[in-house]
Amino acid sequence: MAHYVLQYSLVPDYLDRRAAFRDAHLTLAWAASERGELLLGGAIGDPVESAMLLFESDSAAAAEEFARADPYVVNGLVNSWRVLPWITVAGAEAATPVRPG
């Protein structure tokens, strides 16, 4: 298993528009979490400027499928998104732990 980060760039009026889609977005997110794919997700910044979701999977497909189905993406609250592999090396949940020495 590896880690993948799904990054969202959000539209300027994201906070004004998200209420209409939030329950559907959270339903999708919690379902992905219950399947063991989504580890963490949330908005970044104060005020909010972007969002990040951390996936654990054999490939980037889970994160990509999530983005394509996400009501925030489908309804234009997300300007752009991308999935990046995250080579985690430190911490209890690191996918490829590397110790000193």
C-alpha atoms as a PDB file:
ATOM      1  CA  MET A   1       0.000   0.000   0.000  1.00  0.00           C
ATOM      2  CA  ALA A   2       1.123   3.527  -0.744  1.00  0.00           C
ATOM      3  CA  HIS A   3      -0.060   7.031   0.074  1.00  0.00           C
ATOM      4  CA  TYR A   4      -1.578   9.459  -2.421  1.00  0.00           C
ATOM      5  CA  VAL A   5      -2.511  13.089  -1.853  1.00  0.00           C
ATOM      6  CA  LEU A   6      -5.520  14.545  -3.644  1.00  0.00           C
ATOM      7  CA  GLN A   7      -5.099  18.323  -3.845  1.00  0.00           C
ATOM      8  CA  TYR A   8      -7.981  20.662  -4.631  1.00  0.00           C
ATOM      9  CA  SER A   9      -7.706  24.279  -5.714  1.00  0.00           C
ATOM     10  CA  LEU A  10     -10.965  25.924  -4.677  1.00  0.00           C
ATOM     11  CA  VAL A  11     -13.014  28.706  -6.281  1.00  0.00           C
ATOM     12  CA  PRO A  12     -13.004  32.045  -4.402  1.00  0.00           C
ATOM     13  CA  ASP A  13     -16.672  31.685  -3.335  1.00  0.00           C
ATOM     14  CA  TYR A  14     -16.258  28.068  -2.185  1.00  0.00           C
ATOM     15  CA  LEU A  15     -17.476  28.739   1.363  1.00  0.00           C
ATOM     16  CA  ASP A  16     -20.596  30.507   0.077  1.00  0.00           C
ATOM     17  CA  ARG A  17     -21.483  27.630  -2.273  1.00  0.00           C
ATOM     18  CA  ARG A  18     -20.452  24.474  -0.417  1.00  0.00           C
ATOM     19  CA  ALA A  19     -23.530  24.104   1.821  1.00  0.00           C
ATOM     20  CA  ALA A  20     -25.663  22.799  -1.060  1.00  0.00           C
ATOM     21  CA  PHE A  21     -23.181  19.974  -1.742  1.00  0.00           C
ATOM     22  CA  ARG A  22     -21.577  19.333   1.644  1.00  0.00           C
ATOM     23  CA  ASP A  23     -23.711  16.362   2.766  1.00  0.00           C
ATOM     24  CA  ALA A  24     -23.160  14.556  -0.545  1.00  0.00           C
ATOM     25  CA  HIS A  25     -19.423  15.310  -0.395  1.00  0.00           C
ATOM     26  CA  LEU A  26     -19.178  14.054   3.198  1.00  0.00           C
ATOM     27  CA  THR A  27     -21.177  10.912   2.345  1.00  0.00           C
ATOM     28  CA  LEU A  28     -18.646  10.153  -0.409  1.00  0.00           C
ATOM     29  CA  ALA A  29     -15.719  10.899   1.916  1.00  0.00           C
ATOM     30  CA  TRP A  30     -16.945   8.768   4.806  1.00  0.00           C
ATOM     31  CA  ALA A  31     -17.701   5.868   2.450  1.00  0.00           C
ATOM     32  CA  ALA A  32     -14.121   6.045   1.153  1.00  0.00           C
ATOM     33  CA  SER A  33     -12.892   6.146   4.748  1.00  0.00           C
ATOM     34  CA  GLU A  34     -14.967   3.117   5.724  1.00  0.00           C
ATOM     35  CA  ARG A  35     -13.459   1.202   2.778  1.00  0.00           C
ATOM     36  CA  GLY A  36     -10.011   2.045   4.177  1.00  0.00           C
ATOM     37  CA  GLU A  37      -9.042   4.251   1.218  1.00  0.00           C
ATOM     38  CA  LEU A  38      -9.347   7.760   2.693  1.00  0.00           C
ATOM     39  CA  LEU A  39      -7.261   8.384   5.803  1.00  0.00           C
ATOM     40  CA  LEU A  40      -7.773  12.130   6.268  1.00  0.00           C
ATOM     41  CA  GLY A  41      -9.347  15.014   4.411  1.00  0.00           C
ATOM     42  CA  GLY A  42     -10.148  18.658   4.947  1.00  0.00           C
ATOM     43  CA  ALA A  43      -9.834  22.280   3.975  1.00  0.00           C
ATOM     44  CA  ILE A  44      -6.561  24.213   4.214  1.00  0.00           C
ATOM     45  CA  GLY A  45      -6.098  27.828   5.242  1.00  0.00           C
ATOM     46  CA  ASP A  46      -7.927  30.514   7.115  1.00  0.00           C
ATOM     47  CA  PRO A  47      -9.616  31.718   5.034  1.00  0.00           C
ATOM     48  CA  VAL A  48      -9.965  28.439   3.147  1.00  0.00           C
ATOM     49  CA  GLU A  49      -7.894  28.385  -0.058  1.00  0.00           C
ATOM     50  CA  SER A  50      -7.521  24.708  -0.885  1.00  0.00           C
ATOM     51  CA  ALA A  51      -8.247  21.209   0.353  1.00  0.00           C
ATOM     52  CA  MET A  52      -6.241  18.020   0.739  1.00  0.00           C
ATOM     53  CA  LEU A  53      -7.263  14.394   1.084  1.00  0.00           C
ATOM     54  CA  LEU A  54      -4.860  11.584   1.989  1.00  0.00           C
ATOM     55  CA  PHE A  55      -5.515   8.163   0.482  1.00  0.00           C
ATOM     56  CA  GLU A  56      -3.892   4.790   1.127  1.00  0.00           C
ATOM     57  CA  SER A  57      -4.176   2.416  -1.803  1.00  0.00           C
ATOM     58  CA  ASP A  58      -2.316   0.194  -4.249  1.00  0.00           C
ATOM     59  CA  SER A  59      -2.611   2.897  -6.928  1.00  0.00           C
ATOM     60  CA  ALA A  60      -3.775   6.464  -7.506  1.00  0.00           C
ATOM     61  CA  ALA A  61      -7.078   5.154  -8.884  1.00  0.00           C
ATOM     62  CA  ALA A  62      -9.024   5.459  -5.609  1.00  0.00           C
ATOM     63  CA  ALA A  63      -8.132   9.138  -5.253  1.00  0.00           C
ATOM     64  CA  GLU A  64      -8.811   9.847  -8.934  1.00  0.00           C
ATOM     65  CA  GLU A  65     -12.203   8.115  -8.817  1.00  0.00           C
ATOM     66  CA  PHE A  66     -13.083  10.043  -5.669  1.00  0.00           C
ATOM     67  CA  ALA A  67     -12.306  13.371  -7.352  1.00  0.00           C
ATOM     68  CA  ARG A  68     -14.303  12.535 -10.475  1.00  0.00           C
ATOM     69  CA  ALA A  69     -17.357  11.649  -8.350  1.00  0.00           C
ATOM     70  CA  ASP A  70     -17.013  14.428  -5.766  1.00  0.00           C
ATOM     71  CA  PRO A  71     -19.988  16.845  -5.814  1.00  0.00           C
ATOM     72  CA  TYR A  72     -17.555  19.708  -5.147  1.00  0.00           C
ATOM     73  CA  VAL A  73     -15.720  18.890  -8.387  1.00  0.00           C
ATOM     74  CA  VAL A  74     -18.835  18.040 -10.409  1.00  0.00           C
ATOM     75  CA  ASN A  75     -20.536  21.306  -9.394  1.00  0.00           C
ATOM     76  CA  GLY A  76     -17.580  23.617  -9.990  1.00  0.00           C
ATOM     77  CA  LEU A  77     -16.406  24.383  -6.461  1.00  0.00           C
ATOM     78  CA  VAL A  78     -12.982  23.008  -7.380  1.00  0.00           C
ATOM     79  CA  ASN A  79     -10.888  24.919  -9.958  1.00  0.00           C
ATOM     80  CA  SER A  80      -8.498  22.048 -10.458  1.00  0.00           C
ATOM     81  CA  TRP A  81      -7.353  18.866  -8.767  1.00  0.00           C
ATOM     82  CA  ARG A  82      -4.397  16.536  -8.948  1.00  0.00           C
ATOM     83  CA  VAL A  83      -3.276  13.310  -7.346  1.00  0.00           C
ATOM     84  CA  LEU A  84       0.335  12.974  -6.258  1.00  0.00           C
ATOM     85  CA  PRO A  85       2.136   9.967  -4.805  1.00  0.00           C
ATOM     86  CA  TRP A  86       3.436  10.748  -1.334  1.00  0.00           C
ATOM     87  CA  ILE A  87       6.475   8.700  -0.389  1.00  0.00           C
ATOM     88  CA  THR A  88       5.993   8.588   3.382  1.00  0.00           C
ATOM     89  CA  VAL A  89       9.191   7.644   5.227  1.00  0.00           C
ATOM     90  CA  ALA A  90       8.753   8.703   8.867  1.00  0.00           C
ATOM     91  CA  GLY A  91       6.032   8.017  11.397  1.00  0.00           C
ATOM     92  CA  ALA A  92       4.045   5.025  12.550  1.00  0.00           C
ATOM     93  CA  GLU A  93       1.937   4.940   9.377  1.00  0.00           C
ATOM     94  CA  ALA A  94       4.791   5.470   6.876  1.00  0.00           C
ATOM     95  CA  ALA A  95       4.357   3.259   3.801  1.00  0.00           C
ATOM     96  CA  THR A  96       8.115   3.031   3.198  1.00  0.00           C
ATOM     97  CA  PRO A  97       9.776   3.641   6.572  1.00  0.00           C
ATOM     98  CA  VAL A  98      13.381   4.796   6.537  1.00  0.00           C
ATOM     99  CA  ARG A  99      15.314   4.859   9.794  1.00  0.00           C
ATOM    100  CA  PRO A 100      18.567   6.738  10.358  1.00  0.00           C
ATOM    101  CA  GLY A 101      21.845   4.894  10.058  1.00  0.00           C
END
